[in-house]
Amino acid sequence: GLASLIAAEAGAEVTHVDASKKAIAWARENQALSGLEDKPIRWILDDAPKFSAREVRRGRRYDGIILDPPKYGRGPKGEVWELFQNLPEMLTLCRDILKPTGFLILTAYAIRASFLTMHRLCEEILGRGVESGELALKDQGGGLLRLAVPPVPEVPTVAGTDVPGPGVHPPVQRFHADHSTIRHARVGPSAA
């Protein structure tokens, strides 16, 4: 729900569709914690492909779509979602409800979902003009931070310093994102 809150803060009228009741509850909590209760967000508990198909039939069009599907999931009525099987249909539905001047942002967090695979799929369905790439965080030294990995074990250091001991290579810094981190995110001008 963080992207929905950011879009609403920026002035968009937002329709947020999620199959998870818990995810919507957290997003609404974040909306309140961020002081954004007055922003126009429709929170809809539904299966995204079913909702999108209804929007196609209704002739509704959107200025932008932020699509953040899970690798695997279940809808509120037990519908099964599998990224590699269902994403082509979902992208087609998004194309059909997107205004000609609109934008679509797709994030895919699955090991087999390389940016090149996603790029080609989006190009095939959405046409030319697709931009794609990998998303990563850089640490202060310019190294890449890996998301959601287990904690790094202690590294033996030279007594009284942070310098790794002889023959010990310092570990790659890690960043762990979980629901408790994201759940209380603040959105708006005072966000860091």
N, C-alpha and C. Protein backbone atom coordinates (compact mmCIF):
# COMPACT_ATOMS: atom_id res chain seq x y z
N GLY A 1 0.79 -1.20 0.00
CA GLY A 1 0.00 0.00 0.00
C GLY A 1 0.83 1.27 0.00
N LEU A 2 2.15 1.13 0.17
CA LEU A 2 3.00 2.32 0.23
C LEU A 2 2.95 3.11 -1.07
N ALA A 3 2.99 2.44 -2.21
CA ALA A 3 2.93 3.15 -3.49
C ALA A 3 1.59 3.87 -3.63
N SER A 4 0.51 3.28 -3.14
CA SER A 4 -0.80 3.94 -3.19
C SER A 4 -0.81 5.20 -2.35
N LEU A 5 -0.17 5.15 -1.17
CA LEU A 5 -0.11 6.32 -0.31
C LEU A 5 0.73 7.42 -0.95
N ILE A 6 1.82 7.06 -1.56
CA ILE A 6 2.68 8.05 -2.22
C ILE A 6 1.92 8.69 -3.38
N ALA A 7 1.22 7.88 -4.17
CA ALA A 7 0.45 8.42 -5.29
C ALA A 7 -0.65 9.36 -4.80
N ALA A 8 -1.34 8.98 -3.73
CA ALA A 8 -2.40 9.82 -3.18
C ALA A 8 -1.83 11.13 -2.64
N GLU A 9 -0.68 11.04 -1.95
CA GLU A 9 -0.03 12.24 -1.42
C GLU A 9 0.35 13.19 -2.55
N ALA A 10 0.70 12.63 -3.71
CA ALA A 10 1.09 13.44 -4.87
C ALA A 10 -0.12 14.01 -5.61
N GLY A 11 -1.34 13.64 -5.19
CA GLY A 11 -2.54 14.21 -5.78
C GLY A 11 -3.37 13.27 -6.64
N ALA A 12 -2.97 12.02 -6.76
CA ALA A 12 -3.73 11.07 -7.57
C ALA A 12 -4.96 10.57 -6.82
N GLU A 13 -6.02 10.29 -7.56
CA GLU A 13 -7.15 9.54 -7.01
C GLU A 13 -6.80 8.08 -7.20
N VAL A 14 -6.74 7.33 -6.11
CA VAL A 14 -6.17 5.99 -6.13
C VAL A 14 -7.23 4.91 -5.92
N THR A 15 -7.13 3.85 -6.72
CA THR A 15 -7.88 2.63 -6.50
C THR A 15 -6.85 1.55 -6.19
N HIS A 16 -6.87 1.05 -4.96
CA HIS A 16 -5.91 0.03 -4.53
C HIS A 16 -6.65 -1.30 -4.44
N VAL A 17 -6.21 -2.27 -5.23
CA VAL A 17 -6.84 -3.60 -5.23
C VAL A 17 -5.83 -4.60 -4.67
N ASP A 18 -6.28 -5.38 -3.69
CA ASP A 18 -5.40 -6.39 -3.09
C ASP A 18 -6.27 -7.56 -2.67
N ALA A 19 -5.73 -8.77 -2.83
CA ALA A 19 -6.45 -9.98 -2.43
C ALA A 19 -6.28 -10.28 -0.95
N SER A 20 -5.41 -9.53 -0.28
CA SER A 20 -5.12 -9.79 1.13
C SER A 20 -5.81 -8.78 2.03
N LYS A 21 -6.71 -9.28 2.87
CA LYS A 21 -7.40 -8.43 3.84
C LYS A 21 -6.38 -7.80 4.80
N LYS A 22 -5.38 -8.58 5.20
CA LYS A 22 -4.35 -8.09 6.12
C LYS A 22 -3.54 -6.96 5.48
N ALA A 23 -3.18 -7.10 4.20
CA ALA A 23 -2.41 -6.06 3.51
C ALA A 23 -3.20 -4.76 3.43
N ILE A 24 -4.49 -4.86 3.17
CA ILE A 24 -5.32 -3.65 3.10
C ILE A 24 -5.44 -3.02 4.49
N ALA A 25 -5.58 -3.84 5.53
CA ALA A 25 -5.66 -3.29 6.89
C ALA A 25 -4.37 -2.54 7.24
N TRP A 26 -3.21 -3.11 6.90
CA TRP A 26 -1.94 -2.45 7.16
C TRP A 26 -1.84 -1.15 6.37
N ALA A 27 -2.26 -1.18 5.12
CA ALA A 27 -2.19 0.02 4.29
C ALA A 27 -3.09 1.13 4.84
N ARG A 28 -4.27 0.76 5.30
CA ARG A 28 -5.17 1.76 5.91
C ARG A 28 -4.57 2.31 7.20
N GLU A 29 -3.93 1.44 7.98
CA GLU A 29 -3.27 1.89 9.19
C GLU A 29 -2.16 2.88 8.84
N ASN A 30 -1.37 2.56 7.80
CA ASN A 30 -0.32 3.47 7.35
C ASN A 30 -0.91 4.79 6.86
N GLN A 31 -2.06 4.73 6.21
CA GLN A 31 -2.72 5.96 5.74
C GLN A 31 -3.04 6.86 6.94
N ALA A 32 -3.56 6.27 8.00
CA ALA A 32 -3.89 7.05 9.20
C ALA A 32 -2.63 7.55 9.89
N LEU A 33 -1.61 6.68 10.05
CA LEU A 33 -0.36 7.08 10.69
C LEU A 33 0.34 8.20 9.93
N SER A 34 0.12 8.25 8.63
CA SER A 34 0.76 9.26 7.79
C SER A 34 -0.07 10.53 7.65
N GLY A 35 -1.24 10.56 8.30
CA GLY A 35 -2.08 11.76 8.22
C GLY A 35 -2.69 11.96 6.84
N LEU A 36 -2.96 10.87 6.15
CA LEU A 36 -3.48 10.95 4.79
C LEU A 36 -4.93 10.47 4.67
N GLU A 37 -5.67 10.50 5.80
CA GLU A 37 -7.05 10.00 5.79
C GLU A 37 -7.94 10.74 4.81
N ASP A 38 -7.60 12.00 4.52
CA ASP A 38 -8.42 12.81 3.62
C ASP A 38 -8.11 12.57 2.15
N LYS A 39 -7.10 11.77 1.85
CA LYS A 39 -6.72 11.51 0.46
C LYS A 39 -7.65 10.47 -0.16
N PRO A 40 -7.98 10.67 -1.44
CA PRO A 40 -8.94 9.77 -2.10
C PRO A 40 -8.35 8.42 -2.51
N ILE A 41 -8.52 7.45 -1.62
CA ILE A 41 -8.06 6.08 -1.92
C ILE A 41 -9.24 5.13 -1.73
N ARG A 42 -9.56 4.39 -2.78
CA ARG A 42 -10.57 3.32 -2.68
C ARG A 42 -9.81 2.04 -2.39
N TRP A 43 -10.08 1.43 -1.24
CA TRP A 43 -9.44 0.17 -0.86
C TRP A 43 -10.38 -0.96 -1.25
N ILE A 44 -9.95 -1.82 -2.16
CA ILE A 44 -10.82 -2.88 -2.67
C ILE A 44 -10.19 -4.24 -2.42
N LEU A 45 -10.91 -5.09 -1.67
CA LEU A 45 -10.48 -6.47 -1.43
C LEU A 45 -11.04 -7.31 -2.56
N ASP A 46 -10.17 -7.73 -3.47
CA ASP A 46 -10.63 -8.48 -4.64
C ASP A 46 -9.44 -9.14 -5.30
N ASP A 47 -9.73 -10.08 -6.16
CA ASP A 47 -8.75 -10.70 -7.02
C ASP A 47 -8.45 -9.70 -8.14
N ALA A 48 -7.20 -9.27 -8.29
CA ALA A 48 -6.85 -8.22 -9.25
C ALA A 48 -7.25 -8.55 -10.69
N PRO A 49 -7.02 -9.77 -11.20
CA PRO A 49 -7.46 -10.06 -12.56
C PRO A 49 -8.99 -9.97 -12.72
N LYS A 50 -9.74 -10.44 -11.74
CA LYS A 50 -11.21 -10.35 -11.83
C LYS A 50 -11.67 -8.90 -11.79
N PHE A 51 -11.08 -8.11 -10.88
CA PHE A 51 -11.42 -6.69 -10.81
C PHE A 51 -11.11 -6.00 -12.13
N SER A 52 -9.91 -6.26 -12.67
CA SER A 52 -9.50 -5.62 -13.92
C SER A 52 -10.39 -6.02 -15.09
N ALA A 53 -10.80 -7.28 -15.14
CA ALA A 53 -11.71 -7.72 -16.22
C ALA A 53 -13.04 -6.98 -16.13
N ARG A 54 -13.54 -6.77 -14.90
CA ARG A 54 -14.79 -5.99 -14.74
C ARG A 54 -14.59 -4.55 -15.19
N GLU A 55 -13.44 -3.98 -14.89
CA GLU A 55 -13.15 -2.60 -15.31
C GLU A 55 -13.10 -2.51 -16.83
N VAL A 56 -12.55 -3.53 -17.50
CA VAL A 56 -12.54 -3.55 -18.97
C VAL A 56 -13.98 -3.53 -19.48
N ARG A 57 -14.85 -4.39 -18.92
CA ARG A 57 -16.25 -4.44 -19.36
C ARG A 57 -16.98 -3.13 -19.09
N ARG A 58 -16.63 -2.44 -18.01
CA ARG A 58 -17.26 -1.16 -17.66
C ARG A 58 -16.73 -0.01 -18.51
N GLY A 59 -15.63 -0.25 -19.22
CA GLY A 59 -15.04 0.81 -20.02
C GLY A 59 -14.24 1.82 -19.21
N ARG A 60 -13.85 1.48 -17.99
CA ARG A 60 -13.06 2.39 -17.14
C ARG A 60 -11.63 2.45 -17.66
N ARG A 61 -11.03 3.62 -17.54
CA ARG A 61 -9.64 3.81 -17.96
C ARG A 61 -8.87 4.52 -16.84
N TYR A 62 -7.60 4.17 -16.71
CA TYR A 62 -6.76 4.70 -15.65
C TYR A 62 -5.57 5.45 -16.25
N ASP A 63 -5.14 6.51 -15.54
CA ASP A 63 -3.98 7.29 -15.96
C ASP A 63 -2.68 6.54 -15.69
N GLY A 64 -2.67 5.71 -14.68
CA GLY A 64 -1.48 4.96 -14.34
C GLY A 64 -1.82 3.73 -13.53
N ILE A 65 -0.98 2.73 -13.64
CA ILE A 65 -1.16 1.48 -12.89
C ILE A 65 0.19 1.09 -12.31
N ILE A 66 0.20 0.80 -11.01
CA ILE A 66 1.37 0.25 -10.35
C ILE A 66 1.02 -1.19 -10.02
N LEU A 67 1.66 -2.10 -10.70
CA LEU A 67 1.37 -3.53 -10.59
C LEU A 67 2.50 -4.19 -9.81
N ASP A 68 2.17 -4.74 -8.65
CA ASP A 68 3.16 -5.34 -7.76
C ASP A 68 2.69 -6.74 -7.37
N PRO A 69 2.67 -7.66 -8.33
CA PRO A 69 2.11 -8.99 -8.05
C PRO A 69 3.07 -9.87 -7.25
N PRO A 70 2.50 -10.78 -6.46
CA PRO A 70 3.36 -11.75 -5.76
C PRO A 70 3.81 -12.84 -6.73
N LYS A 71 4.82 -13.59 -6.35
CA LYS A 71 5.22 -14.73 -7.16
C LYS A 71 4.11 -15.79 -7.12
N TYR A 72 3.55 -15.98 -5.93
CA TYR A 72 2.47 -16.95 -5.75
C TYR A 72 1.52 -16.39 -4.70
N GLY A 73 0.24 -16.60 -4.91
CA GLY A 73 -0.72 -16.14 -3.92
C GLY A 73 -2.10 -16.72 -4.15
N ARG A 74 -2.98 -16.40 -3.22
CA ARG A 74 -4.38 -16.82 -3.31
C ARG A 74 -5.27 -15.61 -3.15
N GLY A 75 -6.33 -15.57 -3.96
CA GLY A 75 -7.30 -14.50 -3.88
C GLY A 75 -8.23 -14.69 -2.71
N PRO A 76 -9.11 -13.71 -2.47
CA PRO A 76 -10.02 -13.79 -1.32
C PRO A 76 -10.99 -14.97 -1.39
N LYS A 77 -11.22 -15.50 -2.58
CA LYS A 77 -12.12 -16.65 -2.73
C LYS A 77 -11.35 -17.90 -3.15
N GLY A 78 -10.05 -17.93 -2.83
CA GLY A 78 -9.24 -19.10 -3.12
C GLY A 78 -8.63 -19.13 -4.51
N GLU A 79 -8.80 -18.06 -5.29
CA GLU A 79 -8.20 -18.02 -6.62
C GLU A 79 -6.68 -18.17 -6.48
N VAL A 80 -6.08 -18.93 -7.39
CA VAL A 80 -4.64 -19.15 -7.34
C VAL A 80 -3.95 -18.21 -8.32
N TRP A 81 -2.89 -17.56 -7.84
CA TRP A 81 -2.08 -16.69 -8.68
C TRP A 81 -0.68 -17.26 -8.73
N GLU A 82 -0.14 -17.42 -9.94
CA GLU A 82 1.24 -17.85 -10.14
C GLU A 82 1.82 -16.89 -11.16
N LEU A 83 2.86 -16.16 -10.77
CA LEU A 83 3.41 -15.07 -11.57
C LEU A 83 3.63 -15.44 -13.03
N PHE A 84 4.37 -16.49 -13.29
CA PHE A 84 4.75 -16.81 -14.66
C PHE A 84 3.56 -17.30 -15.49
N GLN A 85 2.57 -17.86 -14.85
CA GLN A 85 1.40 -18.33 -15.57
C GLN A 85 0.38 -17.21 -15.78
N ASN A 86 0.18 -16.35 -14.78
CA ASN A 86 -0.91 -15.38 -14.82
C ASN A 86 -0.52 -13.97 -15.23
N LEU A 87 0.77 -13.64 -15.20
CA LEU A 87 1.17 -12.27 -15.51
C LEU A 87 0.81 -11.83 -16.93
N PRO A 88 0.97 -12.67 -17.96
CA PRO A 88 0.59 -12.20 -19.30
C PRO A 88 -0.88 -11.74 -19.38
N GLU A 89 -1.79 -12.50 -18.79
CA GLU A 89 -3.20 -12.09 -18.79
C GLU A 89 -3.39 -10.79 -18.01
N MET A 90 -2.71 -10.66 -16.87
CA MET A 90 -2.85 -9.46 -16.06
C MET A 90 -2.33 -8.23 -16.80
N LEU A 91 -1.22 -8.38 -17.49
CA LEU A 91 -0.68 -7.26 -18.27
C LEU A 91 -1.62 -6.89 -19.41
N THR A 92 -2.26 -7.87 -20.02
CA THR A 92 -3.23 -7.60 -21.09
C THR A 92 -4.41 -6.81 -20.53
N LEU A 93 -4.90 -7.21 -19.37
CA LEU A 93 -6.01 -6.48 -18.74
C LEU A 93 -5.58 -5.06 -18.39
N CYS A 94 -4.37 -4.90 -17.87
CA CYS A 94 -3.87 -3.56 -17.55
C CYS A 94 -3.78 -2.71 -18.80
N ARG A 95 -3.27 -3.28 -19.87
CA ARG A 95 -3.21 -2.55 -21.15
C ARG A 95 -4.59 -2.07 -21.56
N ASP A 96 -5.59 -2.91 -21.35
CA ASP A 96 -6.95 -2.59 -21.79
C ASP A 96 -7.65 -1.55 -20.93
N ILE A 97 -7.17 -1.32 -19.70
CA ILE A 97 -7.79 -0.29 -18.86
C ILE A 97 -6.90 0.94 -18.70
N LEU A 98 -5.76 0.93 -19.36
CA LEU A 98 -4.83 2.05 -19.28
C LEU A 98 -5.15 3.05 -20.40
N LYS A 99 -5.20 4.33 -20.03
CA LYS A 99 -5.39 5.37 -21.04
C LYS A 99 -4.20 5.36 -22.00
N PRO A 100 -4.41 5.78 -23.26
CA PRO A 100 -3.30 5.77 -24.23
C PRO A 100 -2.07 6.56 -23.76
N THR A 101 -2.27 7.58 -22.96
CA THR A 101 -1.16 8.38 -22.46
C THR A 101 -0.71 7.94 -21.07
N GLY A 102 -1.26 6.83 -20.58
CA GLY A 102 -0.99 6.38 -19.22
C GLY A 102 0.33 5.65 -19.08
N PHE A 103 0.65 5.30 -17.84
CA PHE A 103 1.88 4.58 -17.55
C PHE A 103 1.57 3.34 -16.73
N LEU A 104 2.47 2.36 -16.82
CA LEU A 104 2.37 1.15 -16.01
C LEU A 104 3.74 0.89 -15.40
N ILE A 105 3.76 0.69 -14.09
CA ILE A 105 4.99 0.31 -13.39
C ILE A 105 4.78 -1.10 -12.87
N LEU A 106 5.66 -2.00 -13.26
CA LEU A 106 5.60 -3.40 -12.83
C LEU A 106 6.81 -3.71 -11.97
N THR A 107 6.56 -4.25 -10.79
CA THR A 107 7.66 -4.77 -9.98
C THR A 107 7.44 -6.27 -9.85
N ALA A 108 8.49 -7.04 -10.05
CA ALA A 108 8.39 -8.50 -9.96
C ALA A 108 9.54 -9.00 -9.11
N TYR A 109 9.21 -9.56 -7.95
CA TYR A 109 10.22 -10.07 -7.03
C TYR A 109 10.21 -11.59 -7.04
N ALA A 110 10.87 -12.15 -8.02
CA ALA A 110 10.99 -13.60 -8.12
C ALA A 110 12.36 -13.88 -8.73
N ILE A 111 13.04 -14.86 -8.21
CA ILE A 111 14.40 -15.15 -8.67
C ILE A 111 14.46 -15.36 -10.17
N ARG A 112 13.50 -16.09 -10.73
CA ARG A 112 13.52 -16.37 -12.17
C ARG A 112 13.01 -15.20 -13.00
N ALA A 113 12.55 -14.13 -12.37
CA ALA A 113 11.97 -13.00 -13.10
C ALA A 113 13.04 -11.95 -13.38
N SER A 114 13.91 -12.23 -14.33
CA SER A 114 14.94 -11.25 -14.67
C SER A 114 14.29 -10.05 -15.34
N PHE A 115 14.98 -8.91 -15.27
CA PHE A 115 14.41 -7.73 -15.89
C PHE A 115 14.26 -7.93 -17.39
N LEU A 116 15.14 -8.71 -18.03
CA LEU A 116 15.04 -8.94 -19.46
C LEU A 116 13.79 -9.76 -19.81
N THR A 117 13.49 -10.77 -18.98
CA THR A 117 12.28 -11.57 -19.20
C THR A 117 11.04 -10.69 -19.07
N MET A 118 11.00 -9.87 -18.02
CA MET A 118 9.86 -8.97 -17.81
C MET A 118 9.78 -7.93 -18.92
N HIS A 119 10.93 -7.42 -19.35
CA HIS A 119 10.97 -6.43 -20.43
C HIS A 119 10.35 -7.00 -21.70
N ARG A 120 10.78 -8.19 -22.09
CA ARG A 120 10.27 -8.80 -23.32
C ARG A 120 8.77 -9.08 -23.23
N LEU A 121 8.32 -9.57 -22.09
CA LEU A 121 6.90 -9.84 -21.91
C LEU A 121 6.10 -8.54 -22.02
N CYS A 122 6.56 -7.50 -21.34
CA CYS A 122 5.86 -6.21 -21.40
C CYS A 122 5.86 -5.64 -22.81
N GLU A 123 6.98 -5.75 -23.51
CA GLU A 123 7.05 -5.28 -24.89
C GLU A 123 6.08 -6.03 -25.79
N GLU A 124 6.00 -7.34 -25.58
CA GLU A 124 5.11 -8.18 -26.38
C GLU A 124 3.65 -7.77 -26.18
N ILE A 125 3.28 -7.44 -24.96
CA ILE A 125 1.88 -7.13 -24.65
C ILE A 125 1.58 -5.64 -24.77
N LEU A 126 2.49 -4.79 -24.31
CA LEU A 126 2.23 -3.36 -24.27
C LEU A 126 2.77 -2.61 -25.48
N GLY A 127 3.68 -3.22 -26.22
CA GLY A 127 4.26 -2.56 -27.39
C GLY A 127 5.59 -1.91 -27.06
N ARG A 128 6.12 -1.19 -28.03
CA ARG A 128 7.42 -0.52 -27.88
C ARG A 128 7.36 0.57 -26.82
N GLY A 129 8.52 1.04 -26.41
CA GLY A 129 8.59 2.12 -25.44
C GLY A 129 8.69 1.64 -24.01
N VAL A 130 8.93 0.35 -23.80
CA VAL A 130 9.06 -0.21 -22.46
C VAL A 130 10.46 0.08 -21.94
N GLU A 131 10.55 0.55 -20.71
CA GLU A 131 11.83 0.73 -20.05
C GLU A 131 11.89 -0.28 -18.91
N SER A 132 13.07 -0.87 -18.68
CA SER A 132 13.17 -1.86 -17.61
C SER A 132 14.57 -1.86 -17.02
N GLY A 133 14.70 -2.48 -15.87
CA GLY A 133 16.00 -2.60 -15.22
C GLY A 133 15.87 -3.27 -13.88
N GLU A 134 17.00 -3.47 -13.24
CA GLU A 134 17.04 -4.06 -11.91
C GLU A 134 16.92 -2.96 -10.87
N LEU A 135 16.28 -3.25 -9.75
CA LEU A 135 16.15 -2.32 -8.65
C LEU A 135 16.98 -2.83 -7.49
N ALA A 136 17.87 -1.98 -6.99
CA ALA A 136 18.71 -2.37 -5.85
C ALA A 136 19.04 -1.12 -5.05
N LEU A 137 19.45 -1.33 -3.83
CA LEU A 137 19.91 -0.24 -2.97
C LEU A 137 21.43 -0.29 -2.94
N LYS A 138 22.06 0.90 -2.90
CA LYS A 138 23.51 0.96 -2.79
C LYS A 138 23.88 1.41 -1.39
N ASP A 139 24.94 0.79 -0.84
CA ASP A 139 25.41 1.25 0.46
C ASP A 139 26.33 2.45 0.23
N GLN A 140 26.81 3.05 1.30
CA GLN A 140 27.63 4.25 1.18
C GLN A 140 28.92 4.01 0.42
N GLY A 141 29.41 2.79 0.42
CA GLY A 141 30.63 2.45 -0.31
C GLY A 141 30.39 2.12 -1.76
N GLY A 142 29.13 2.16 -2.21
CA GLY A 142 28.82 1.87 -3.61
C GLY A 142 28.45 0.42 -3.87
N GLY A 143 28.52 -0.44 -2.84
CA GLY A 143 28.14 -1.84 -3.01
C GLY A 143 26.63 -2.00 -3.03
N LEU A 144 26.15 -3.09 -3.59
CA LEU A 144 24.72 -3.35 -3.65
C LEU A 144 24.25 -4.05 -2.39
N LEU A 145 23.11 -3.63 -1.88
CA LEU A 145 22.49 -4.25 -0.72
C LEU A 145 21.47 -5.26 -1.20
N ARG A 146 21.56 -6.47 -0.68
CA ARG A 146 20.60 -7.51 -1.04
C ARG A 146 19.42 -7.42 -0.10
N LEU A 147 18.23 -7.59 -0.63
CA LEU A 147 17.02 -7.48 0.17
C LEU A 147 16.59 -8.82 0.74
N ALA A 148 16.06 -8.78 1.96
CA ALA A 148 15.42 -9.92 2.62
C ALA A 148 16.27 -11.17 2.66
N VAL A 149 17.48 -11.04 3.14
CA VAL A 149 18.34 -12.21 3.32
C VAL A 149 18.59 -12.41 4.81
N PRO A 150 18.98 -13.60 5.24
CA PRO A 150 19.21 -13.83 6.66
C PRO A 150 20.32 -12.94 7.19
N PRO A 151 20.35 -12.70 8.52
CA PRO A 151 21.41 -11.89 9.10
C PRO A 151 22.78 -12.49 8.84
N VAL A 152 23.78 -11.63 8.76
CA VAL A 152 25.15 -12.06 8.52
C VAL A 152 25.77 -12.49 9.84
N PRO A 153 26.50 -13.62 9.87
CA PRO A 153 27.12 -14.05 11.12
C PRO A 153 28.21 -13.07 11.57
N GLU A 154 28.51 -13.11 12.86
CA GLU A 154 29.58 -12.27 13.42
C GLU A 154 30.88 -12.54 12.68
N VAL A 155 31.66 -11.47 12.48
CA VAL A 155 32.96 -11.59 11.83
C VAL A 155 34.03 -11.31 12.88
N PRO A 156 34.99 -12.21 13.06
CA PRO A 156 36.05 -11.95 14.03
C PRO A 156 36.82 -10.69 13.64
N THR A 157 37.06 -9.80 14.62
CA THR A 157 37.76 -8.55 14.35
C THR A 157 39.02 -8.45 15.20
N VAL A 158 39.89 -7.52 14.80
CA VAL A 158 41.09 -7.23 15.58
C VAL A 158 40.61 -6.57 16.87
N ALA A 159 41.12 -7.00 18.01
CA ALA A 159 40.66 -6.53 19.32
C ALA A 159 40.56 -5.01 19.38
N GLY A 160 39.41 -4.53 19.84
CA GLY A 160 39.20 -3.10 20.05
C GLY A 160 38.93 -2.29 18.78
N THR A 161 38.74 -2.96 17.61
CA THR A 161 38.49 -2.23 16.37
C THR A 161 37.35 -2.88 15.61
N ASP A 162 36.97 -2.24 14.51
CA ASP A 162 35.98 -2.83 13.60
C ASP A 162 36.67 -3.49 12.41
N VAL A 163 37.97 -3.61 12.44
CA VAL A 163 38.73 -4.16 11.33
C VAL A 163 38.65 -5.69 11.38
N PRO A 164 38.30 -6.31 10.25
CA PRO A 164 38.25 -7.78 10.24
C PRO A 164 39.63 -8.37 10.53
N GLY A 165 39.61 -9.51 11.20
CA GLY A 165 40.86 -10.19 11.54
C GLY A 165 41.59 -10.68 10.30
N PRO A 166 42.84 -11.15 10.46
CA PRO A 166 43.63 -11.63 9.32
C PRO A 166 42.91 -12.75 8.57
N GLY A 167 42.88 -12.63 7.24
CA GLY A 167 42.26 -13.65 6.40
C GLY A 167 40.75 -13.64 6.40
N VAL A 168 40.14 -12.66 7.07
CA VAL A 168 38.67 -12.59 7.12
C VAL A 168 38.21 -11.46 6.21
N HIS A 169 37.32 -11.76 5.28
CA HIS A 169 36.77 -10.74 4.40
C HIS A 169 35.49 -10.20 5.01
N PRO A 170 35.33 -8.86 5.01
CA PRO A 170 34.11 -8.31 5.60
C PRO A 170 32.87 -8.78 4.83
N PRO A 171 31.77 -9.02 5.52
CA PRO A 171 30.56 -9.49 4.85
C PRO A 171 29.92 -8.36 4.03
N VAL A 172 29.14 -8.75 3.06
CA VAL A 172 28.34 -7.79 2.31
C VAL A 172 27.28 -7.26 3.26
N GLN A 173 27.05 -5.95 3.26
CA GLN A 173 25.99 -5.41 4.11
C GLN A 173 24.65 -5.94 3.63
N ARG A 174 23.75 -6.12 4.56
CA ARG A 174 22.43 -6.66 4.24
C ARG A 174 21.35 -5.69 4.70
N PHE A 175 20.25 -5.70 4.02
CA PHE A 175 19.08 -4.93 4.39
C PHE A 175 17.93 -5.91 4.46
N HIS A 176 17.24 -5.95 5.56
CA HIS A 176 16.14 -6.90 5.71
C HIS A 176 14.83 -6.13 5.78
N ALA A 177 13.97 -6.32 4.79
CA ALA A 177 12.66 -5.66 4.79
C ALA A 177 11.62 -6.69 5.16
N ASP A 178 10.84 -6.39 6.16
CA ASP A 178 9.74 -7.26 6.51
C ASP A 178 8.53 -6.38 6.81
N HIS A 179 7.40 -7.00 7.10
CA HIS A 179 6.17 -6.22 7.31
C HIS A 179 6.28 -5.25 8.47
N SER A 180 7.05 -5.60 9.52
CA SER A 180 7.15 -4.68 10.64
C SER A 180 7.91 -3.42 10.25
N THR A 181 8.82 -3.53 9.28
CA THR A 181 9.55 -2.36 8.80
C THR A 181 8.64 -1.50 7.94
N ILE A 182 7.96 -2.13 7.02
CA ILE A 182 7.16 -1.41 6.04
C ILE A 182 5.84 -0.94 6.66
N ARG A 183 5.33 -1.67 7.60
CA ARG A 183 4.01 -1.42 8.15
C ARG A 183 3.86 -0.01 8.72
N HIS A 184 4.89 0.51 9.34
CA HIS A 184 4.79 1.82 9.97
C HIS A 184 5.56 2.88 9.22
N ALA A 185 5.65 2.71 7.91
CA ALA A 185 6.32 3.71 7.09
C ALA A 185 5.50 4.99 7.06
N ARG A 186 6.16 6.10 7.07
CA ARG A 186 5.48 7.38 6.99
C ARG A 186 5.64 7.92 5.58
N VAL A 187 4.56 8.45 5.05
CA VAL A 187 4.57 9.00 3.70
C VAL A 187 4.27 10.48 3.81
N GLY A 188 4.97 11.28 3.05
CA GLY A 188 4.69 12.71 3.01
C GLY A 188 5.94 13.53 3.14
N PRO A 189 5.77 14.84 3.20
CA PRO A 189 6.92 15.74 3.20
C PRO A 189 7.89 15.51 4.33
N SER A 190 7.42 15.02 5.49
CA SER A 190 8.34 14.84 6.61
C SER A 190 9.02 13.46 6.58
N ALA A 191 8.72 12.64 5.55
CA ALA A 191 9.37 11.32 5.46
C ALA A 191 10.84 11.51 5.14
N ALA A 192 11.68 10.67 5.73
CA ALA A 192 13.14 10.79 5.49
C ALA A 192 13.50 10.17 4.16
